Each structure stands twice: as structure tokens, then as C-alpha cells.
Amino acid sequence: MMARFIRRLLVEDKGGATAIELCILTALISVAIIASLHTFSNQLNNTFAAASSKIAITP
């Protein structure tokens, strides 16, 4: 009875693996979001810099 309980705990418990998979997935999504925000912020900065220079040139 006890051996069957321990075997069931060790063999059939997939909760730890699922938690690790979710952590890895969350980390990958976070890296993708940070990378895209970095690219987007550079493009936005360039757009505002171009608009600012055009406004400064206009008399």
C-alpha cells in the first residue's frame, strides 16, 4: 500500500515539470517583449527627432 502510494507520487506527479515549463515560457515571452520594446523605443525616438528637426528649421 505504501509502496504503491510512493510510486504514484514519484511517477505520476507531473506538477513540477509543468511549473518549470511555465517558468521557461514566461521567461521567453518576457525576453521577446523587452527586445520588441527596445526596438520600438528606438524607432519612436528617431521619429520624434526627425519631427523636432523639421520644426526647428521652419521659420
C-alpha atoms as a PDB file:
ATOM      1  CA  MET A   1       0.000   0.000   0.000  1.00  0.00           C
ATOM      2  CA  MET A   2       2.720   2.467   0.982  1.00  0.00           C
ATOM      3  CA  ALA A   3       4.950   1.414  -1.918  1.00  0.00           C
ATOM      4  CA  ARG A   4       2.099   1.988  -4.355  1.00  0.00           C
ATOM      5  CA  PHE A   5       1.468   5.439  -2.861  1.00  0.00           C
ATOM      6  CA  ILE A   6       5.149   6.411  -3.158  1.00  0.00           C
ATOM      7  CA  ARG A   7       5.344   5.060  -6.710  1.00  0.00           C
ATOM      8  CA  ARG A   8       2.251   7.039  -7.652  1.00  0.00           C
ATOM      9  CA  LEU A   9       3.759  10.193  -6.143  1.00  0.00           C
ATOM     10  CA  LEU A  10       7.071   9.807  -7.948  1.00  0.00           C
ATOM     11  CA  VAL A  11       5.895   8.504 -11.312  1.00  0.00           C
ATOM     12  CA  GLU A  12       2.545  10.175 -11.875  1.00  0.00           C
ATOM     13  CA  ASP A  13       3.250  13.612 -10.396  1.00  0.00           C
ATOM     14  CA  LYS A  14       3.849  15.955 -13.317  1.00  0.00           C
ATOM     15  CA  GLY A  15       3.174  19.204 -11.431  1.00  0.00           C
ATOM     16  CA  GLY A  16       6.828  20.120 -11.028  1.00  0.00           C
ATOM     17  CA  ALA A  17       7.568  19.648 -14.719  1.00  0.00           C
ATOM     18  CA  THR A  18       4.571  21.762 -15.666  1.00  0.00           C
ATOM     19  CA  ALA A  19       5.657  24.568 -13.348  1.00  0.00           C
ATOM     20  CA  ILE A  20       9.167  24.568 -14.819  1.00  0.00           C
ATOM     21  CA  GLU A  21       7.781  24.622 -18.360  1.00  0.00           C
ATOM     22  CA  LEU A  22       5.559  27.586 -17.492  1.00  0.00           C
ATOM     23  CA  CYS A  23       8.521  29.442 -15.961  1.00  0.00           C
ATOM     24  CA  ILE A  24      10.613  28.887 -19.083  1.00  0.00           C
ATOM     25  CA  LEU A  25       7.752  30.002 -21.325  1.00  0.00           C
ATOM     26  CA  THR A  26       7.198  33.125 -19.216  1.00  0.00           C
ATOM     27  CA  ALA A  27      10.905  33.968 -19.356  1.00  0.00           C
ATOM     28  CA  LEU A  28      10.989  33.609 -23.149  1.00  0.00           C
ATOM     29  CA  ILE A  29       7.912  35.804 -23.558  1.00  0.00           C
ATOM     30  CA  SER A  30       9.465  38.424 -21.260  1.00  0.00           C
ATOM     31  CA  VAL A  31      12.668  38.483 -23.302  1.00  0.00           C
ATOM     32  CA  ALA A  32      10.657  38.893 -26.513  1.00  0.00           C
ATOM     33  CA  ILE A  33       8.644  41.774 -25.035  1.00  0.00           C
ATOM     34  CA  ILE A  34      11.756  43.557 -23.768  1.00  0.00           C
ATOM     35  CA  ALA A  35      13.503  43.178 -27.133  1.00  0.00           C
ATOM     36  CA  SER A  36      10.495  44.499 -29.054  1.00  0.00           C
ATOM     37  CA  LEU A  37      10.091  47.450 -26.676  1.00  0.00           C
ATOM     38  CA  HIS A  38      13.757  48.323 -27.152  1.00  0.00           C
ATOM     39  CA  THR A  39      13.337  48.320 -30.944  1.00  0.00           C
ATOM     40  CA  PHE A  40      10.069  50.250 -30.776  1.00  0.00           C
ATOM     41  CA  SER A  41      11.532  52.902 -28.470  1.00  0.00           C
ATOM     42  CA  ASN A  42      14.459  53.493 -30.857  1.00  0.00           C
ATOM     43  CA  GLN A  43      12.097  53.932 -33.802  1.00  0.00           C
ATOM     44  CA  LEU A  44       9.861  56.266 -31.811  1.00  0.00           C
ATOM     45  CA  ASN A  45      12.858  58.320 -30.705  1.00  0.00           C
ATOM     46  CA  ASN A  46      14.020  58.658 -34.323  1.00  0.00           C
ATOM     47  CA  THR A  47      10.542  59.766 -35.411  1.00  0.00           C
ATOM     48  CA  PHE A  48      10.353  62.478 -32.763  1.00  0.00           C
ATOM     49  CA  ALA A  49      13.919  63.611 -33.510  1.00  0.00           C
ATOM     50  CA  ALA A  50      13.060  63.990 -37.207  1.00  0.00           C
ATOM     51  CA  ALA A  51       9.880  65.910 -36.400  1.00  0.00           C
ATOM     52  CA  SER A  52      11.769  68.137 -33.976  1.00  0.00           C
ATOM     53  CA  SER A  53      14.451  68.967 -36.522  1.00  0.00           C
ATOM     54  CA  LYS A  54      11.830  69.834 -39.152  1.00  0.00           C
ATOM     55  CA  ILE A  55      10.030  72.112 -36.698  1.00  0.00           C
ATOM     56  CA  ALA A  56      13.293  73.826 -35.716  1.00  0.00           C
ATOM     57  CA  ILE A  57      14.180  74.545 -39.371  1.00  0.00           C
ATOM     58  CA  THR A  58      10.788  76.104 -40.161  1.00  0.00           C
ATOM     59  CA  PRO A  59      10.919  79.923 -39.686  1.00  0.00           C
END
